[in-house]
């Protein structure tokens, strides 16, 4: 399965998801760091600004990362939609916010 992930090294949920996915032999993984370049940030913002799934995220003051695109065209914020293993036992995915409270 191919998975493209948009995220950032300053987002704990992104760092955790990246570590899990990059080590999976059953997944072709493409990590897109939104804080690495303007081009990648614009790619992400194109999804964020135009996809209705981001509306509740934006209304809550969150960023919307990690954001996953699957090879079948489906999109999700939840790594548990991609893999179901014990690796996820203590993981609760969320989307990073800008509220200054450290909530991702």
PDB file of N, CA and C in Angstrom:
ATOM      1  N   UNK A   1       0.834  -1.167   0.000  1.00  0.00           N
ATOM      2  CA  UNK A   1       0.000   0.000   0.000  1.00  0.00           C
ATOM      3  C   UNK A   1       0.888   1.242   0.000  1.00  0.00           C
ATOM      4  N   UNK A   2       0.483   2.257  -0.764  1.00  0.00           N
ATOM      5  CA  UNK A   2       1.187   3.537  -0.778  1.00  0.00           C
ATOM      6  C   UNK A   2       0.475   4.513   0.157  1.00  0.00           C
ATOM      7  N   UNK A   3       1.264   5.204   0.958  1.00  0.00           N
ATOM      8  CA  UNK A   3       0.736   6.210   1.880  1.00  0.00           C
ATOM      9  C   UNK A   3       1.607   7.452   1.786  1.00  0.00           C
ATOM     10  N   UNK A   4       0.959   8.590   1.557  1.00  0.00           N
ATOM     11  CA  UNK A   4       1.638   9.878   1.621  1.00  0.00           C
ATOM     12  C   UNK A   4       1.167  10.559   2.890  1.00  0.00           C
ATOM     13  N   UNK A   5       2.123  11.033   3.662  1.00  0.00           N
ATOM     14  CA  UNK A   5       1.798  11.696   4.919  1.00  0.00           C
ATOM     15  C   UNK A   5       2.334  13.118   4.896  1.00  0.00           C
ATOM     16  N   UNK A   6       1.458  14.071   5.200  1.00  0.00           N
ATOM     17  CA  UNK A   6       1.873  15.458   5.406  1.00  0.00           C
ATOM     18  C   UNK A   6       1.967  15.684   6.907  1.00  0.00           C
ATOM     19  N   UNK A   7       3.114  16.189   7.341  1.00  0.00           N
ATOM     20  CA  UNK A   7       3.322  16.417   8.760  1.00  0.00           C
ATOM     21  C   UNK A   7       4.521  17.312   8.990  1.00  0.00           C
ATOM     22  N   UNK A   8       4.927  17.404  10.243  1.00  0.00           N
ATOM     23  CA  UNK A   8       6.049  18.260  10.619  1.00  0.00           C
ATOM     24  C   UNK A   8       6.808  17.633  11.785  1.00  0.00           C
ATOM     25  N   UNK A   9       8.086  17.892  11.841  1.00  0.00           N
ATOM     26  CA  UNK A   9       8.917  17.380  12.928  1.00  0.00           C
ATOM     27  C   UNK A   9       8.614  18.059  14.255  1.00  0.00           C
ATOM     28  N   UNK A  10       7.851  19.137  14.259  1.00  0.00           N
ATOM     29  CA  UNK A  10       7.504  19.813  15.504  1.00  0.00           C
ATOM     30  C   UNK A  10       6.153  19.354  16.045  1.00  0.00           C
ATOM     31  N   UNK A  11       5.534  18.396  15.384  1.00  0.00           N
ATOM     32  CA  UNK A  11       4.244  17.843  15.794  1.00  0.00           C
ATOM     33  C   UNK A  11       4.465  16.441  16.358  1.00  0.00           C
ATOM     34  N   UNK A  12       4.237  16.225  17.649  1.00  0.00           N
ATOM     35  CA  UNK A  12       4.480  14.907  18.246  1.00  0.00           C
ATOM     36  C   UNK A  12       3.690  13.780  17.586  1.00  0.00           C
ATOM     37  N   UNK A  13       2.441  14.027  17.202  1.00  0.00           N
ATOM     38  CA  UNK A  13       1.655  12.988  16.529  1.00  0.00           C
ATOM     39  C   UNK A  13       2.273  12.628  15.184  1.00  0.00           C
ATOM     40  N   UNK A  14       2.806  13.629  14.487  1.00  0.00           N
ATOM     41  CA  UNK A  14       3.444  13.391  13.198  1.00  0.00           C
ATOM     42  C   UNK A  14       4.721  12.574  13.349  1.00  0.00           C
ATOM     43  N   UNK A  15       5.516  12.938  14.333  1.00  0.00           N
ATOM     44  CA  UNK A  15       6.772  12.221  14.572  1.00  0.00           C
ATOM     45  C   UNK A  15       6.484  10.755  14.879  1.00  0.00           C
ATOM     46  N   UNK A  16       5.492  10.507  15.720  1.00  0.00           N
ATOM     47  CA  UNK A  16       5.131   9.139  16.084  1.00  0.00           C
ATOM     48  C   UNK A  16       4.620   8.354  14.865  1.00  0.00           C
ATOM     49  N   UNK A  17       3.726   8.969  14.093  1.00  0.00           N
ATOM     50  CA  UNK A  17       3.167   8.292  12.918  1.00  0.00           C
ATOM     51  C   UNK A  17       4.256   8.007  11.891  1.00  0.00           C
ATOM     52  N   UNK A  18       5.142   8.961  11.671  1.00  0.00           N
ATOM     53  CA  UNK A  18       6.238   8.773  10.718  1.00  0.00           C
ATOM     54  C   UNK A  18       7.115   7.596  11.127  1.00  0.00           C
ATOM     55  N   UNK A  19       7.461   7.515  12.406  1.00  0.00           N
ATOM     56  CA  UNK A  19       8.306   6.413  12.880  1.00  0.00           C
ATOM     57  C   UNK A  19       7.645   5.056  12.658  1.00  0.00           C
ATOM     58  N   UNK A  20       6.361   4.990  12.905  1.00  0.00           N
ATOM     59  CA  UNK A  20       5.640   3.727  12.718  1.00  0.00           C
ATOM     60  C   UNK A  20       5.592   3.354  11.234  1.00  0.00           C
ATOM     61  N   UNK A  21       5.210   4.297  10.390  1.00  0.00           N
ATOM     62  CA  UNK A  21       5.005   3.992   8.979  1.00  0.00           C
ATOM     63  C   UNK A  21       6.299   3.747   8.213  1.00  0.00           C
ATOM     64  N   UNK A  22       7.351   4.474   8.542  1.00  0.00           N
ATOM     65  CA  UNK A  22       8.587   4.301   7.782  1.00  0.00           C
ATOM     66  C   UNK A  22       9.222   2.924   8.006  1.00  0.00           C
ATOM     67  N   UNK A  23       8.886   2.274   9.092  1.00  0.00           N
ATOM     68  CA  UNK A  23       9.447   0.962   9.394  1.00  0.00           C
ATOM     69  C   UNK A  23       8.578  -0.198   8.925  1.00  0.00           C
ATOM     70  N   UNK A  24       7.473   0.092   8.274  1.00  0.00           N
ATOM     71  CA  UNK A  24       6.567  -0.953   7.802  1.00  0.00           C
ATOM     72  C   UNK A  24       6.996  -1.425   6.414  1.00  0.00           C
ATOM     73  N   UNK A  25       7.247  -2.720   6.278  1.00  0.00           N
ATOM     74  CA  UNK A  25       7.661  -3.244   4.978  1.00  0.00           C
ATOM     75  C   UNK A  25       6.476  -3.390   4.020  1.00  0.00           C
ATOM     76  N   UNK A  26       5.258  -3.359   4.551  1.00  0.00           N
ATOM     77  CA  UNK A  26       4.071  -3.508   3.720  1.00  0.00           C
ATOM     78  C   UNK A  26       3.526  -2.168   3.219  1.00  0.00           C
ATOM     79  N   UNK A  27       4.251  -1.071   3.493  1.00  0.00           N
ATOM     80  CA  UNK A  27       3.778   0.256   3.110  1.00  0.00           C
ATOM     81  C   UNK A  27       4.880   1.004   2.360  1.00  0.00           C
ATOM     82  N   UNK A  28       4.522   1.523   1.182  1.00  0.00           N
ATOM     83  CA  UNK A  28       5.386   2.452   0.467  1.00  0.00           C
ATOM     84  C   UNK A  28       5.068   3.822   1.039  1.00  0.00           C
ATOM     85  N   UNK A  29       6.019   4.398   1.729  1.00  0.00           N
ATOM     86  CA  UNK A  29       5.766   5.588   2.534  1.00  0.00           C
ATOM     87  C   UNK A  29       6.451   6.811   1.949  1.00  0.00           C
ATOM     88  N   UNK A  30       5.675   7.881   1.741  1.00  0.00           N
ATOM     89  CA  UNK A  30       6.201   9.161   1.262  1.00  0.00           C
ATOM     90  C   UNK A  30       5.866  10.210   2.312  1.00  0.00           C
ATOM     91  N   UNK A  31       6.888  10.671   3.027  1.00  0.00           N
ATOM     92  CA  UNK A  31       6.694  11.681   4.071  1.00  0.00           C
ATOM     93  C   UNK A  31       6.929  13.057   3.478  1.00  0.00           C
ATOM     94  N   UNK A  32       5.977  13.950   3.663  1.00  0.00           N
ATOM     95  CA  UNK A  32       6.040  15.310   3.144  1.00  0.00           C
ATOM     96  C   UNK A  32       6.056  16.271   4.336  1.00  0.00           C
ATOM     97  N   UNK A  33       7.226  16.830   4.645  1.00  0.00           N
ATOM     98  CA  UNK A  33       7.409  17.707   5.798  1.00  0.00           C
ATOM     99  C   UNK A  33       6.951  19.121   5.433  1.00  0.00           C
ATOM    100  N   UNK A  34       5.825  19.545   5.995  1.00  0.00           N
ATOM    101  CA  UNK A  34       5.244  20.840   5.642  1.00  0.00           C
ATOM    102  C   UNK A  34       6.052  22.024   6.153  1.00  0.00           C
ATOM    103  N   UNK A  35       6.963  21.782   7.086  1.00  0.00           N
ATOM    104  CA  UNK A  35       7.799  22.876   7.581  1.00  0.00           C
ATOM    105  C   UNK A  35       9.175  22.883   6.911  1.00  0.00           C
ATOM    106  N   UNK A  36       9.344  22.031   5.918  1.00  0.00           N
ATOM    107  CA  UNK A  36      10.629  21.927   5.229  1.00  0.00           C
ATOM    108  C   UNK A  36      10.749  22.876   4.040  1.00  0.00           C
ATOM    109  N   UNK A  37       9.647  23.057   3.307  1.00  0.00           N
ATOM    110  CA  UNK A  37       9.716  23.916   2.124  1.00  0.00           C
ATOM    111  C   UNK A  37       8.358  24.550   1.845  1.00  0.00           C
ATOM    112  N   UNK A  38       8.400  25.679   1.186  1.00  0.00           N
ATOM    113  CA  UNK A  38       7.170  26.375   0.817  1.00  0.00           C
ATOM    114  C   UNK A  38       6.355  25.531  -0.158  1.00  0.00           C
ATOM    115  N   UNK A  39       7.009  24.839  -1.067  1.00  0.00           N
ATOM    116  CA  UNK A  39       6.315  24.005  -2.046  1.00  0.00           C
ATOM    117  C   UNK A  39       5.467  22.930  -1.359  1.00  0.00           C
ATOM    118  N   UNK A  40       6.050  22.235  -0.400  1.00  0.00           N
ATOM    119  CA  UNK A  40       5.325  21.182   0.318  1.00  0.00           C
ATOM    120  C   UNK A  40       4.218  21.784   1.176  1.00  0.00           C
ATOM    121  N   UNK A  41       4.495  22.913   1.814  1.00  0.00           N
ATOM    122  CA  UNK A  41       3.459  23.586   2.605  1.00  0.00           C
ATOM    123  C   UNK A  41       2.282  23.972   1.708  1.00  0.00           C
ATOM    124  N   UNK A  42       2.555  24.471   0.522  1.00  0.00           N
ATOM    125  CA  UNK A  42       1.477  24.842  -0.405  1.00  0.00           C
ATOM    126  C   UNK A  42       0.672  23.623  -0.846  1.00  0.00           C
ATOM    127  N   UNK A  43       1.344  22.491  -1.056  1.00  0.00           N
ATOM    128  CA  UNK A  43       0.626  21.249  -1.389  1.00  0.00           C
ATOM    129  C   UNK A  43      -0.384  20.923  -0.288  1.00  0.00           C
ATOM    130  N   UNK A  44       0.112  20.949   0.951  1.00  0.00           N
ATOM    131  CA  UNK A  44      -0.741  20.653   2.097  1.00  0.00           C
ATOM    132  C   UNK A  44      -1.884  21.660   2.198  1.00  0.00           C
ATOM    133  N   UNK A  45      -1.572  22.945   2.072  1.00  0.00           N
ATOM    134  CA  UNK A  45      -2.593  23.977   2.195  1.00  0.00           C
ATOM    135  C   UNK A  45      -3.654  23.874   1.095  1.00  0.00           C
ATOM    136  N   UNK A  46      -3.269  23.363  -0.051  1.00  0.00           N
ATOM    137  CA  UNK A  46      -4.248  23.142  -1.114  1.00  0.00           C
ATOM    138  C   UNK A  46      -5.315  22.149  -0.659  1.00  0.00           C
ATOM    139  N   UNK A  47      -4.898  21.083   0.009  1.00  0.00           N
ATOM    140  CA  UNK A  47      -5.871  20.139   0.589  1.00  0.00           C
ATOM    141  C   UNK A  47      -6.654  20.819   1.713  1.00  0.00           C
ATOM    142  N   UNK A  48      -5.940  21.462   2.606  1.00  0.00           N
ATOM    143  CA  UNK A  48      -6.569  22.061   3.797  1.00  0.00           C
ATOM    144  C   UNK A  48      -7.588  23.138   3.430  1.00  0.00           C
ATOM    145  N   UNK A  49      -7.268  23.918   2.426  1.00  0.00           N
ATOM    146  CA  UNK A  49      -8.145  25.025   2.047  1.00  0.00           C
ATOM    147  C   UNK A  49      -9.339  24.592   1.200  1.00  0.00           C
ATOM    148  N   UNK A  50      -9.254  23.423   0.575  1.00  0.00           N
ATOM    149  CA  UNK A  50     -10.284  23.024  -0.391  1.00  0.00           C
ATOM    150  C   UNK A  50     -11.043  21.753  -0.057  1.00  0.00           C
ATOM    151  N   UNK A  51     -10.642  21.028   0.953  1.00  0.00           N
ATOM    152  CA  UNK A  51     -11.311  19.764   1.281  1.00  0.00           C
ATOM    153  C   UNK A  51     -12.184  19.951   2.519  1.00  0.00           C
ATOM    154  N   UNK A  52     -13.456  19.589   2.385  1.00  0.00           N
ATOM    155  CA  UNK A  52     -14.429  19.778   3.479  1.00  0.00           C
ATOM    156  C   UNK A  52     -14.046  19.025   4.755  1.00  0.00           C
ATOM    157  N   UNK A  53     -13.259  17.965   4.634  1.00  0.00           N
ATOM    158  CA  UNK A  53     -12.891  17.210   5.840  1.00  0.00           C
ATOM    159  C   UNK A  53     -12.067  18.056   6.815  1.00  0.00           C
ATOM    160  N   UNK A  54     -11.459  19.133   6.319  1.00  0.00           N
ATOM    161  CA  UNK A  54     -10.652  20.004   7.170  1.00  0.00           C
ATOM    162  C   UNK A  54     -11.484  21.045   7.909  1.00  0.00           C
ATOM    163  N   UNK A  55     -12.733  21.246   7.533  1.00  0.00           N
ATOM    164  CA  UNK A  55     -13.530  22.313   8.121  1.00  0.00           C
ATOM    165  C   UNK A  55     -13.627  22.220   9.653  1.00  0.00           C
ATOM    166  N   UNK A  56     -13.991  21.056  10.211  1.00  0.00           N
ATOM    167  CA  UNK A  56     -14.046  20.970  11.681  1.00  0.00           C
ATOM    168  C   UNK A  56     -12.676  21.175  12.330  1.00  0.00           C
ATOM    169  N   UNK A  57     -11.629  20.765  11.648  1.00  0.00           N
ATOM    170  CA  UNK A  57     -10.267  20.932  12.148  1.00  0.00           C
ATOM    171  C   UNK A  57      -9.939  22.425  12.249  1.00  0.00           C
ATOM    172  N   UNK A  58     -10.235  23.150  11.184  1.00  0.00           N
ATOM    173  CA  UNK A  58      -9.965  24.599  11.171  1.00  0.00           C
ATOM    174  C   UNK A  58     -10.818  25.325  12.207  1.00  0.00           C
ATOM    175  N   UNK A  59     -12.078  24.932  12.322  1.00  0.00           N
ATOM    176  CA  UNK A  59     -12.961  25.575  13.304  1.00  0.00           C
ATOM    177  C   UNK A  59     -12.479  25.361  14.735  1.00  0.00           C
ATOM    178  N   UNK A  60     -11.802  24.255  14.978  1.00  0.00           N
ATOM    179  CA  UNK A  60     -11.262  23.955  16.308  1.00  0.00           C
ATOM    180  C   UNK A  60      -9.891  24.604  16.533  1.00  0.00           C
ATOM    181  N   UNK A  61      -9.387  25.339  15.537  1.00  0.00           N
ATOM    182  CA  UNK A  61      -8.085  25.993  15.673  1.00  0.00           C
ATOM    183  C   UNK A  61      -6.917  25.049  15.516  1.00  0.00           C
ATOM    184  N   UNK A  62      -7.140  23.955  14.820  1.00  0.00           N
ATOM    185  CA  UNK A  62      -6.083  22.972  14.631  1.00  0.00           C
ATOM    186  C   UNK A  62      -5.518  23.064  13.217  1.00  0.00           C
ATOM    187  N   UNK A  63      -4.406  22.415  12.996  1.00  0.00           N
ATOM    188  CA  UNK A  63      -3.719  22.487  11.714  1.00  0.00           C
ATOM    189  C   UNK A  63      -4.220  21.417  10.748  1.00  0.00           C
ATOM    190  N   UNK A  64      -4.361  20.199  11.225  1.00  0.00           N
ATOM    191  CA  UNK A  64      -4.797  19.105  10.362  1.00  0.00           C
ATOM    192  C   UNK A  64      -3.675  18.156  10.011  1.00  0.00           C
ATOM    193  N   UNK A  65      -2.732  18.021  10.921  1.00  0.00           N
ATOM    194  CA  UNK A  65      -1.645  17.084  10.690  1.00  0.00           C
ATOM    195  C   UNK A  65      -1.511  16.170  11.903  1.00  0.00           C
ATOM    196  N   UNK A  66      -1.140  14.953  11.688  1.00  0.00           N
ATOM    197  CA  UNK A  66      -0.774  14.377  10.405  1.00  0.00           C
ATOM    198  C   UNK A  66      -1.991  14.194   9.498  1.00  0.00           C
ATOM    199  N   UNK A  67      -1.722  14.288   8.202  1.00  0.00           N
ATOM    200  CA  UNK A  67      -2.738  14.109   7.182  1.00  0.00           C
ATOM    201  C   UNK A  67      -2.223  13.045   6.225  1.00  0.00           C
ATOM    202  N   UNK A  68      -3.029  12.018   6.009  1.00  0.00           N
ATOM    203  CA  UNK A  68      -2.617  10.876   5.203  1.00  0.00           C
ATOM    204  C   UNK A  68      -3.441  10.771   3.930  1.00  0.00           C
ATOM    205  N   UNK A  69      -2.746  10.532   2.818  1.00  0.00           N
ATOM    206  CA  UNK A  69      -3.390  10.218   1.542  1.00  0.00           C
ATOM    207  C   UNK A  69      -3.050   8.778   1.205  1.00  0.00           C
ATOM    208  N   UNK A  70      -4.066   7.975   0.934  1.00  0.00           N
ATOM    209  CA  UNK A  70      -3.839   6.586   0.593  1.00  0.00           C
ATOM    210  C   UNK A  70      -3.926   6.402  -0.914  1.00  0.00           C
ATOM    211  N   UNK A  71      -3.327   5.318  -1.391  1.00  0.00           N
ATOM    212  CA  UNK A  71      -3.240   5.111  -2.831  1.00  0.00           C
ATOM    213  C   UNK A  71      -4.601   5.004  -3.511  1.00  0.00           C
ATOM    214  N   UNK A  72      -5.637   4.646  -2.771  1.00  0.00           N
ATOM    215  CA  UNK A  72      -6.970   4.558  -3.363  1.00  0.00           C
ATOM    216  C   UNK A  72      -7.672   5.917  -3.405  1.00  0.00           C
ATOM    217  N   UNK A  73      -6.970   6.974  -2.978  1.00  0.00           N
ATOM    218  CA  UNK A  73      -7.522   8.318  -3.001  1.00  0.00           C
ATOM    219  C   UNK A  73      -8.197   8.733  -1.705  1.00  0.00           C
ATOM    220  N   UNK A  74      -8.340   7.810  -0.762  1.00  0.00           N
ATOM    221  CA  UNK A  74      -8.963   8.174   0.500  1.00  0.00           C
ATOM    222  C   UNK A  74      -7.999   9.009   1.344  1.00  0.00           C
ATOM    223  N   UNK A  75      -8.576   9.793   2.251  1.00  0.00           N
ATOM    224  CA  UNK A  75      -7.821  10.719   3.087  1.00  0.00           C
ATOM    225  C   UNK A  75      -8.247  10.528   4.531  1.00  0.00           C
ATOM    226  N   UNK A  76      -7.294  10.691   5.437  1.00  0.00           N
ATOM    227  CA  UNK A  76      -7.602  10.529   6.859  1.00  0.00           C
ATOM    228  C   UNK A  76      -6.597  11.292   7.713  1.00  0.00           C
ATOM    229  N   UNK A  77      -7.002  11.553   8.930  1.00  0.00           N
ATOM    230  CA  UNK A  77      -6.098  12.114   9.935  1.00  0.00           C
ATOM    231  C   UNK A  77      -5.632  11.024  10.906  1.00  0.00           C
ATOM    232  N   UNK A  78      -6.213   9.845  10.804  1.00  0.00           N
ATOM    233  CA  UNK A  78      -5.999   8.774  11.778  1.00  0.00           C
ATOM    234  C   UNK A  78      -5.096   7.671  11.239  1.00  0.00           C
ATOM    235  N   UNK A  79      -3.978   7.431  11.890  1.00  0.00           N
ATOM    236  CA  UNK A  79      -3.094   6.340  11.477  1.00  0.00           C
ATOM    237  C   UNK A  79      -3.790   4.988  11.646  1.00  0.00           C
ATOM    238  N   UNK A  80      -4.736   4.921  12.565  1.00  0.00           N
ATOM    239  CA  UNK A  80      -5.463   3.664  12.781  1.00  0.00           C
ATOM    240  C   UNK A  80      -6.334   3.293  11.584  1.00  0.00           C
ATOM    241  N   UNK A  81      -6.576   4.223  10.670  1.00  0.00           N
ATOM    242  CA  UNK A  81      -7.285   3.904   9.434  1.00  0.00           C
ATOM    243  C   UNK A  81      -6.368   3.210   8.433  1.00  0.00           C
ATOM    244  N   UNK A  82      -5.067   3.237   8.705  1.00  0.00           N
ATOM    245  CA  UNK A  82      -4.077   2.665   7.799  1.00  0.00           C
ATOM    246  C   UNK A  82      -3.587   1.317   8.301  1.00  0.00           C
ATOM    247  N   UNK A  83      -3.264   1.258   9.585  1.00  0.00           N
ATOM    248  CA  UNK A  83      -2.748   0.014  10.165  1.00  0.00           C
ATOM    249  C   UNK A  83      -3.491  -0.300  11.453  1.00  0.00           C
ATOM    250  N   UNK A  84      -3.632  -1.567  11.726  1.00  0.00           N
ATOM    251  CA  UNK A  84      -4.280  -2.034  12.950  1.00  0.00           C
ATOM    252  C   UNK A  84      -3.315  -3.000  13.634  1.00  0.00           C
ATOM    253  N   UNK A  85      -2.503  -2.469  14.526  1.00  0.00           N
ATOM    254  CA  UNK A  85      -1.533  -3.319  15.221  1.00  0.00           C
ATOM    255  C   UNK A  85      -1.410  -2.886  16.666  1.00  0.00           C
ATOM    256  N   UNK A  86      -0.645  -3.647  17.402  1.00  0.00           N
ATOM    257  CA  UNK A  86      -0.371  -3.301  18.801  1.00  0.00           C
ATOM    258  C   UNK A  86       0.421  -2.006  18.920  1.00  0.00           C
ATOM    259  N   UNK A  87       1.077  -1.582  17.823  1.00  0.00           N
ATOM    260  CA  UNK A  87       1.821  -0.324  17.849  1.00  0.00           C
ATOM    261  C   UNK A  87       0.905   0.841  18.194  1.00  0.00           C
ATOM    262  N   UNK A  88      -0.374   0.689  17.931  1.00  0.00           N
ATOM    263  CA  UNK A  88      -1.321   1.780  18.119  1.00  0.00           C
ATOM    264  C   UNK A  88      -2.020   1.747  19.467  1.00  0.00           C
ATOM    265  N   UNK A  89      -1.700   0.782  20.281  1.00  0.00           N
ATOM    266  CA  UNK A  89      -2.415   0.573  21.537  1.00  0.00           C
ATOM    267  C   UNK A  89      -2.517   1.840  22.390  1.00  0.00           C
ATOM    268  N   UNK A  90      -1.429   2.565  22.533  1.00  0.00           N
ATOM    269  CA  UNK A  90      -1.425   3.738  23.404  1.00  0.00           C
ATOM    270  C   UNK A  90      -1.395   5.055  22.637  1.00  0.00           C
ATOM    271  N   UNK A  91      -1.760   4.992  21.356  1.00  0.00           N
ATOM    272  CA  UNK A  91      -1.725   6.187  20.534  1.00  0.00           C
ATOM    273  C   UNK A  91      -3.133   6.719  20.339  1.00  0.00           C
ATOM    274  N   UNK A  92      -3.311   7.992  20.623  1.00  0.00           N
ATOM    275  CA  UNK A  92      -4.553   8.653  20.270  1.00  0.00           C
ATOM    276  C   UNK A  92      -4.187   9.788  19.343  1.00  0.00           C
ATOM    277  N   UNK A  93      -4.557   9.646  18.096  1.00  0.00           N
ATOM    278  CA  UNK A  93      -4.200  10.645  17.103  1.00  0.00           C
ATOM    279  C   UNK A  93      -5.042  11.894  17.282  1.00  0.00           C
ATOM    280  N   UNK A  94      -4.448  12.998  17.004  1.00  0.00           N
ATOM    281  CA  UNK A  94      -5.142  14.264  17.017  1.00  0.00           C
ATOM    282  C   UNK A  94      -4.492  15.155  15.976  1.00  0.00           C
ATOM    283  N   UNK A  95      -5.019  16.317  15.808  1.00  0.00           N
ATOM    284  CA  UNK A  95      -4.452  17.230  14.831  1.00  0.00           C
ATOM    285  C   UNK A  95      -3.915  18.445  15.553  1.00  0.00           C
ATOM    286  N   UNK A  96      -2.736  18.882  15.165  1.00  0.00           N
ATOM    287  CA  UNK A  96      -2.047  19.951  15.894  1.00  0.00           C
ATOM    288  C   UNK A  96      -2.841  21.249  15.905  1.00  0.00           C
ATOM    289  N   UNK A  97      -2.750  21.912  17.017  1.00  0.00           N
ATOM    290  CA  UNK A  97      -3.459  23.178  17.192  1.00  0.00           C
ATOM    291  C   UNK A  97      -2.460  24.310  17.381  1.00  0.00           C
ATOM    292  N   UNK A  98      -2.999  25.492  17.346  1.00  0.00           N
ATOM    293  CA  UNK A  98      -2.157  26.675  17.564  1.00  0.00           C
ATOM    294  C   UNK A  98      -2.593  27.413  18.818  1.00  0.00           C
ATOM    295  N   UNK A  99      -3.159  26.662  19.767  1.00  0.00           N
ATOM    296  CA  UNK A  99      -3.704  27.281  20.970  1.00  0.00           C
ATOM    297  C   UNK A  99      -2.661  27.549  22.047  1.00  0.00           C
ATOM    298  N   UNK A 100      -1.430  27.117  21.792  1.00  0.00           N
ATOM    299  CA  UNK A 100      -0.366  27.368  22.752  1.00  0.00           C
ATOM    300  C   UNK A 100      -0.411  26.474  23.977  1.00  0.00           C
ATOM    301  N   UNK A 101      -1.291  25.480  23.984  1.00  0.00           N
ATOM    302  CA  UNK A 101      -1.430  24.599  25.136  1.00  0.00           C
ATOM    303  C   UNK A 101      -0.679  23.284  24.966  1.00  0.00           C
ATOM    304  N   UNK A 102       0.008  23.121  23.845  1.00  0.00           N
ATOM    305  CA  UNK A 102       0.729  21.886  23.599  1.00  0.00           C
ATOM    306  C   UNK A 102      -0.163  20.765  23.129  1.00  0.00           C
ATOM    307  N   UNK A 103      -1.402  21.050  22.845  1.00  0.00           N
ATOM    308  CA  UNK A 103      -2.312  20.034  22.322  1.00  0.00           C
ATOM    309  C   UNK A 103      -2.095  19.882  20.842  1.00  0.00           C
ATOM    310  N   UNK A 104      -1.862  18.666  20.438  1.00  0.00           N
ATOM    311  CA  UNK A 104      -1.670  18.460  19.002  1.00  0.00           C
ATOM    312  C   UNK A 104      -2.931  18.111  18.355  1.00  0.00           C
TER     313      UNK A 104
END
